[in-house]
Amino acid sequence: MFLKHRVIDPLYDKGITKFAIFCDNVLNFHASPDDDYYAEWAEEVHEEGGWVAIINTRQHVEEEMHDARLQHYVHFGEDYNDILWQAHKPPIVFHILDALVTGRVRRVEG
């Protein structure tokens, strides 16, 4: 809950409803025992037309997230992996992610 209450909530209070979490160097995922935490976050952002996307997860981390049923609340997985975000300015990365989440594009290559 630290991430949600200490980082996300202050951003949400300022009107930010679309979140990208870059996980290139995340080695494991520690799920909350229940999914209320994720459901609350997803409900808040979806009410405002927002989303949460988790980018570039390693396969075992993606499996841990899937086992925690995170796919019901946030966007992650094959379509959100291998995005070379470092080579682009933040507005470009945002537009790429927004297009993925909204279904305007199916997959980004490279």
N, C-alpha and C. Protein backbone atom coordinates (compact mmCIF):
# COMPACT_ATOMS: atom_id res chain seq x y z
N MET A 1 0.80 -1.20 0.00
CA MET A 1 0.00 0.00 0.00
C MET A 1 0.85 1.27 0.00
N PHE A 2 2.12 1.13 0.30
CA PHE A 2 3.01 2.28 0.33
C PHE A 2 2.97 3.04 -1.00
N LEU A 3 3.12 2.31 -2.11
CA LEU A 3 3.13 2.95 -3.43
C LEU A 3 1.85 3.74 -3.65
N LYS A 4 0.72 3.12 -3.38
CA LYS A 4 -0.57 3.78 -3.63
C LYS A 4 -0.74 5.02 -2.75
N HIS A 5 -0.53 4.86 -1.45
CA HIS A 5 -0.84 5.96 -0.53
C HIS A 5 0.21 7.06 -0.50
N ARG A 6 1.47 6.71 -0.71
CA ARG A 6 2.52 7.72 -0.60
C ARG A 6 2.89 8.35 -1.94
N VAL A 7 2.71 7.61 -3.03
CA VAL A 7 3.14 8.11 -4.34
C VAL A 7 1.94 8.40 -5.25
N ILE A 8 1.08 7.42 -5.42
CA ILE A 8 -0.02 7.54 -6.38
C ILE A 8 -1.09 8.53 -5.92
N ASP A 9 -1.54 8.43 -4.67
CA ASP A 9 -2.61 9.31 -4.19
C ASP A 9 -2.28 10.80 -4.34
N PRO A 10 -1.06 11.25 -3.98
CA PRO A 10 -0.76 12.67 -4.21
C PRO A 10 -0.81 13.06 -5.69
N LEU A 11 -0.38 12.16 -6.56
CA LEU A 11 -0.47 12.44 -8.00
C LEU A 11 -1.92 12.47 -8.45
N TYR A 12 -2.69 11.52 -7.98
CA TYR A 12 -4.12 11.46 -8.32
C TYR A 12 -4.83 12.73 -7.85
N ASP A 13 -4.48 13.21 -6.68
CA ASP A 13 -5.08 14.44 -6.15
C ASP A 13 -4.77 15.65 -7.04
N LYS A 14 -3.72 15.57 -7.82
CA LYS A 14 -3.35 16.66 -8.74
C LYS A 14 -3.95 16.44 -10.13
N GLY A 15 -4.79 15.40 -10.28
CA GLY A 15 -5.48 15.18 -11.54
C GLY A 15 -4.83 14.17 -12.47
N ILE A 16 -3.78 13.51 -12.03
CA ILE A 16 -3.12 12.51 -12.86
C ILE A 16 -3.86 11.19 -12.71
N THR A 17 -4.32 10.63 -13.84
CA THR A 17 -5.10 9.39 -13.79
C THR A 17 -4.54 8.29 -14.67
N LYS A 18 -3.45 8.56 -15.35
CA LYS A 18 -2.82 7.56 -16.21
C LYS A 18 -1.41 7.33 -15.70
N PHE A 19 -1.12 6.07 -15.36
CA PHE A 19 0.14 5.74 -14.71
C PHE A 19 0.89 4.67 -15.49
N ALA A 20 2.17 4.88 -15.69
CA ALA A 20 3.05 3.90 -16.30
C ALA A 20 4.12 3.54 -15.28
N ILE A 21 4.23 2.25 -15.01
CA ILE A 21 5.24 1.76 -14.08
C ILE A 21 6.24 0.95 -14.89
N PHE A 22 7.46 1.41 -14.92
CA PHE A 22 8.51 0.78 -15.71
C PHE A 22 9.24 -0.24 -14.83
N CYS A 23 9.22 -1.48 -15.24
CA CYS A 23 9.73 -2.58 -14.41
C CYS A 23 10.93 -3.28 -15.00
N ASP A 24 11.68 -2.60 -15.83
CA ASP A 24 12.84 -3.22 -16.48
C ASP A 24 13.78 -3.90 -15.47
N ASN A 25 13.95 -3.31 -14.31
CA ASN A 25 14.90 -3.84 -13.32
C ASN A 25 14.22 -4.43 -12.08
N VAL A 26 12.93 -4.70 -12.17
CA VAL A 26 12.22 -5.32 -11.04
C VAL A 26 12.45 -6.83 -11.10
N LEU A 27 12.93 -7.39 -10.01
CA LEU A 27 13.28 -8.81 -10.00
C LEU A 27 12.21 -9.71 -9.38
N ASN A 28 11.30 -9.14 -8.58
CA ASN A 28 10.18 -9.93 -8.09
C ASN A 28 9.04 -9.01 -7.69
N PHE A 29 7.87 -9.61 -7.54
CA PHE A 29 6.66 -8.86 -7.23
C PHE A 29 6.06 -9.43 -5.95
N HIS A 30 5.80 -8.58 -5.00
CA HIS A 30 5.19 -9.00 -3.74
C HIS A 30 3.74 -8.55 -3.75
N ALA A 31 2.86 -9.50 -3.98
CA ALA A 31 1.43 -9.19 -4.08
C ALA A 31 0.82 -8.96 -2.70
N SER A 32 -0.20 -8.14 -2.67
CA SER A 32 -0.99 -7.97 -1.47
C SER A 32 -1.82 -9.25 -1.29
N PRO A 33 -2.07 -9.66 -0.05
CA PRO A 33 -2.82 -10.90 0.17
C PRO A 33 -4.24 -10.88 -0.43
N ASP A 34 -4.83 -9.73 -0.51
CA ASP A 34 -6.14 -9.64 -1.16
C ASP A 34 -6.03 -8.63 -2.29
N ASP A 35 -7.05 -8.60 -3.14
CA ASP A 35 -6.95 -7.72 -4.30
C ASP A 35 -7.67 -6.39 -4.10
N ASP A 36 -8.10 -6.08 -2.88
CA ASP A 36 -8.78 -4.81 -2.62
C ASP A 36 -7.91 -3.61 -2.97
N TYR A 37 -6.62 -3.74 -2.69
CA TYR A 37 -5.65 -2.67 -2.96
C TYR A 37 -5.65 -2.32 -4.45
N TYR A 38 -5.55 -3.35 -5.29
CA TYR A 38 -5.50 -3.14 -6.73
C TYR A 38 -6.86 -2.70 -7.27
N ALA A 39 -7.92 -3.28 -6.73
CA ALA A 39 -9.27 -2.93 -7.17
C ALA A 39 -9.56 -1.46 -6.88
N GLU A 40 -9.16 -0.98 -5.72
CA GLU A 40 -9.37 0.42 -5.34
C GLU A 40 -8.67 1.35 -6.31
N TRP A 41 -7.42 1.07 -6.61
CA TRP A 41 -6.64 1.90 -7.51
C TRP A 41 -7.27 1.88 -8.90
N ALA A 42 -7.58 0.71 -9.40
CA ALA A 42 -8.17 0.59 -10.74
C ALA A 42 -9.50 1.32 -10.82
N GLU A 43 -10.33 1.18 -9.81
CA GLU A 43 -11.63 1.84 -9.82
C GLU A 43 -11.48 3.36 -9.85
N GLU A 44 -10.57 3.88 -9.05
CA GLU A 44 -10.34 5.33 -9.02
C GLU A 44 -9.93 5.86 -10.39
N VAL A 45 -8.94 5.24 -11.00
CA VAL A 45 -8.46 5.77 -12.28
C VAL A 45 -9.45 5.52 -13.41
N HIS A 46 -10.12 4.37 -13.40
CA HIS A 46 -11.08 4.10 -14.47
C HIS A 46 -12.26 5.06 -14.45
N GLU A 47 -12.68 5.47 -13.25
CA GLU A 47 -13.77 6.45 -13.14
C GLU A 47 -13.42 7.76 -13.83
N GLU A 48 -12.15 8.07 -13.90
CA GLU A 48 -11.68 9.31 -14.51
C GLU A 48 -11.14 9.09 -15.93
N GLY A 49 -11.37 7.90 -16.50
CA GLY A 49 -10.88 7.62 -17.84
C GLY A 49 -9.40 7.29 -17.88
N GLY A 50 -8.84 6.93 -16.74
CA GLY A 50 -7.41 6.65 -16.65
C GLY A 50 -7.10 5.17 -16.72
N TRP A 51 -5.82 4.86 -16.52
CA TRP A 51 -5.34 3.49 -16.58
C TRP A 51 -4.01 3.37 -15.84
N VAL A 52 -3.64 2.12 -15.60
CA VAL A 52 -2.34 1.79 -15.04
C VAL A 52 -1.72 0.76 -15.97
N ALA A 53 -0.52 1.05 -16.45
CA ALA A 53 0.19 0.13 -17.33
C ALA A 53 1.53 -0.22 -16.70
N ILE A 54 1.85 -1.49 -16.71
CA ILE A 54 3.13 -1.96 -16.18
C ILE A 54 3.97 -2.41 -17.36
N ILE A 55 5.12 -1.80 -17.52
CA ILE A 55 5.92 -1.92 -18.73
C ILE A 55 7.18 -2.76 -18.47
N ASN A 56 7.50 -3.59 -19.46
CA ASN A 56 8.76 -4.33 -19.50
C ASN A 56 9.02 -5.20 -18.26
N THR A 57 8.07 -6.06 -17.97
CA THR A 57 8.28 -6.99 -16.86
C THR A 57 9.05 -8.23 -17.34
N ARG A 58 9.85 -8.75 -16.47
CA ARG A 58 10.52 -10.03 -16.76
C ARG A 58 9.46 -11.13 -16.68
N GLN A 59 9.71 -12.24 -17.36
CA GLN A 59 8.70 -13.29 -17.45
C GLN A 59 8.26 -13.79 -16.07
N HIS A 60 9.20 -14.05 -15.17
CA HIS A 60 8.81 -14.58 -13.86
C HIS A 60 8.04 -13.54 -13.05
N VAL A 61 8.33 -12.26 -13.23
CA VAL A 61 7.58 -11.20 -12.55
C VAL A 61 6.18 -11.11 -13.13
N GLU A 62 6.08 -11.22 -14.44
CA GLU A 62 4.77 -11.22 -15.09
C GLU A 62 3.93 -12.40 -14.58
N GLU A 63 4.54 -13.56 -14.42
CA GLU A 63 3.82 -14.73 -13.90
C GLU A 63 3.35 -14.49 -12.47
N GLU A 64 4.19 -13.86 -11.64
CA GLU A 64 3.79 -13.53 -10.27
C GLU A 64 2.61 -12.56 -10.27
N MET A 65 2.63 -11.59 -11.16
CA MET A 65 1.53 -10.63 -11.26
C MET A 65 0.25 -11.33 -11.73
N HIS A 66 0.41 -12.22 -12.67
CA HIS A 66 -0.74 -12.97 -13.18
C HIS A 66 -1.33 -13.85 -12.07
N ASP A 67 -0.47 -14.51 -11.31
CA ASP A 67 -0.93 -15.35 -10.20
C ASP A 67 -1.67 -14.53 -9.16
N ALA A 68 -1.31 -13.27 -9.01
CA ALA A 68 -1.98 -12.37 -8.07
C ALA A 68 -3.25 -11.74 -8.67
N ARG A 69 -3.57 -12.14 -9.91
CA ARG A 69 -4.77 -11.68 -10.63
C ARG A 69 -4.73 -10.18 -10.94
N LEU A 70 -3.54 -9.65 -11.11
CA LEU A 70 -3.38 -8.23 -11.40
C LEU A 70 -3.95 -7.86 -12.77
N GLN A 71 -4.05 -8.82 -13.67
CA GLN A 71 -4.56 -8.55 -15.01
C GLN A 71 -6.00 -8.04 -14.99
N HIS A 72 -6.71 -8.20 -13.90
CA HIS A 72 -8.07 -7.68 -13.78
C HIS A 72 -8.10 -6.18 -13.49
N TYR A 73 -6.94 -5.63 -13.12
CA TYR A 73 -6.90 -4.25 -12.67
C TYR A 73 -5.95 -3.35 -13.44
N VAL A 74 -4.87 -3.91 -13.95
CA VAL A 74 -3.87 -3.10 -14.65
C VAL A 74 -3.49 -3.77 -15.97
N HIS A 75 -2.86 -3.02 -16.83
CA HIS A 75 -2.42 -3.52 -18.13
C HIS A 75 -0.96 -3.93 -18.03
N PHE A 76 -0.68 -5.17 -18.40
CA PHE A 76 0.69 -5.66 -18.47
C PHE A 76 0.69 -6.92 -19.33
N GLY A 77 1.87 -7.40 -19.62
CA GLY A 77 1.97 -8.64 -20.39
C GLY A 77 2.73 -8.43 -21.68
N GLU A 78 2.58 -9.39 -22.56
CA GLU A 78 3.35 -9.44 -23.80
C GLU A 78 3.29 -8.14 -24.60
N ASP A 79 2.11 -7.56 -24.72
CA ASP A 79 1.97 -6.33 -25.52
C ASP A 79 2.67 -5.13 -24.88
N TYR A 80 2.96 -5.22 -23.59
CA TYR A 80 3.57 -4.11 -22.86
C TYR A 80 5.04 -4.36 -22.55
N ASN A 81 5.59 -5.42 -23.08
CA ASN A 81 7.00 -5.74 -22.87
C ASN A 81 7.80 -5.35 -24.11
N ASP A 82 9.07 -5.23 -23.93
CA ASP A 82 9.99 -4.89 -25.02
C ASP A 82 9.73 -3.52 -25.63
N ILE A 83 9.23 -2.60 -24.84
CA ILE A 83 9.05 -1.22 -25.30
C ILE A 83 10.34 -0.47 -24.99
N LEU A 84 10.97 0.04 -26.02
CA LEU A 84 12.23 0.76 -25.85
C LEU A 84 11.94 2.23 -25.51
N TRP A 85 11.45 2.44 -24.32
CA TRP A 85 11.00 3.76 -23.90
C TRP A 85 12.14 4.75 -23.70
N GLN A 86 13.35 4.27 -23.40
CA GLN A 86 14.46 5.17 -23.10
C GLN A 86 14.85 6.04 -24.29
N ALA A 87 14.56 5.60 -25.48
CA ALA A 87 14.96 6.33 -26.68
C ALA A 87 13.98 7.44 -27.06
N HIS A 88 12.89 7.58 -26.29
CA HIS A 88 11.84 8.54 -26.65
C HIS A 88 11.59 9.54 -25.52
N LYS A 89 11.08 10.67 -25.89
CA LYS A 89 10.69 11.67 -24.90
C LYS A 89 9.38 11.21 -24.23
N PRO A 90 9.14 11.62 -22.98
CA PRO A 90 7.96 11.16 -22.25
C PRO A 90 6.62 11.32 -22.98
N PRO A 91 6.36 12.43 -23.69
CA PRO A 91 5.07 12.52 -24.39
C PRO A 91 4.88 11.43 -25.45
N ILE A 92 5.96 11.03 -26.10
CA ILE A 92 5.88 9.96 -27.11
C ILE A 92 5.55 8.64 -26.43
N VAL A 93 6.24 8.35 -25.33
CA VAL A 93 5.98 7.12 -24.59
C VAL A 93 4.53 7.09 -24.10
N PHE A 94 4.06 8.23 -23.60
CA PHE A 94 2.67 8.31 -23.16
C PHE A 94 1.71 7.98 -24.30
N HIS A 95 1.92 8.55 -25.46
CA HIS A 95 1.02 8.30 -26.60
C HIS A 95 1.07 6.84 -27.04
N ILE A 96 2.24 6.22 -26.99
CA ILE A 96 2.37 4.80 -27.32
C ILE A 96 1.55 3.96 -26.33
N LEU A 97 1.73 4.24 -25.04
CA LEU A 97 1.01 3.48 -24.02
C LEU A 97 -0.50 3.71 -24.10
N ASP A 98 -0.89 4.94 -24.32
CA ASP A 98 -2.32 5.25 -24.43
C ASP A 98 -2.93 4.51 -25.62
N ALA A 99 -2.21 4.44 -26.72
CA ALA A 99 -2.70 3.71 -27.90
C ALA A 99 -2.81 2.22 -27.61
N LEU A 100 -1.88 1.66 -26.85
CA LEU A 100 -1.96 0.25 -26.48
C LEU A 100 -3.17 -0.01 -25.57
N VAL A 101 -3.30 0.81 -24.55
CA VAL A 101 -4.38 0.61 -23.57
C VAL A 101 -5.75 0.77 -24.22
N THR A 102 -5.90 1.76 -25.07
CA THR A 102 -7.20 2.01 -25.69
C THR A 102 -7.48 1.12 -26.89
N GLY A 103 -6.49 0.31 -27.28
CA GLY A 103 -6.70 -0.63 -28.38
C GLY A 103 -6.50 -0.05 -29.76
N ARG A 104 -5.98 1.18 -29.86
CA ARG A 104 -5.73 1.76 -31.18
C ARG A 104 -4.58 1.07 -31.89
N VAL A 105 -3.66 0.50 -31.13
CA VAL A 105 -2.60 -0.35 -31.69
C VAL A 105 -2.57 -1.62 -30.83
N ARG A 106 -2.14 -2.69 -31.45
CA ARG A 106 -2.13 -3.98 -30.76
C ARG A 106 -0.78 -4.27 -30.10
N ARG A 107 0.28 -3.92 -30.78
CA ARG A 107 1.63 -4.21 -30.25
C ARG A 107 2.61 -3.22 -30.86
N VAL A 108 3.58 -2.84 -30.07
CA VAL A 108 4.63 -1.95 -30.54
C VAL A 108 5.88 -2.78 -30.75
N GLU A 109 6.46 -2.66 -31.91
CA GLU A 109 7.70 -3.38 -32.21
C GLU A 109 8.88 -2.46 -32.01
N GLY A 110 9.81 -2.91 -31.15
CA GLY A 110 11.05 -2.15 -30.95
C GLY A 110 10.89 -0.97 -30.17
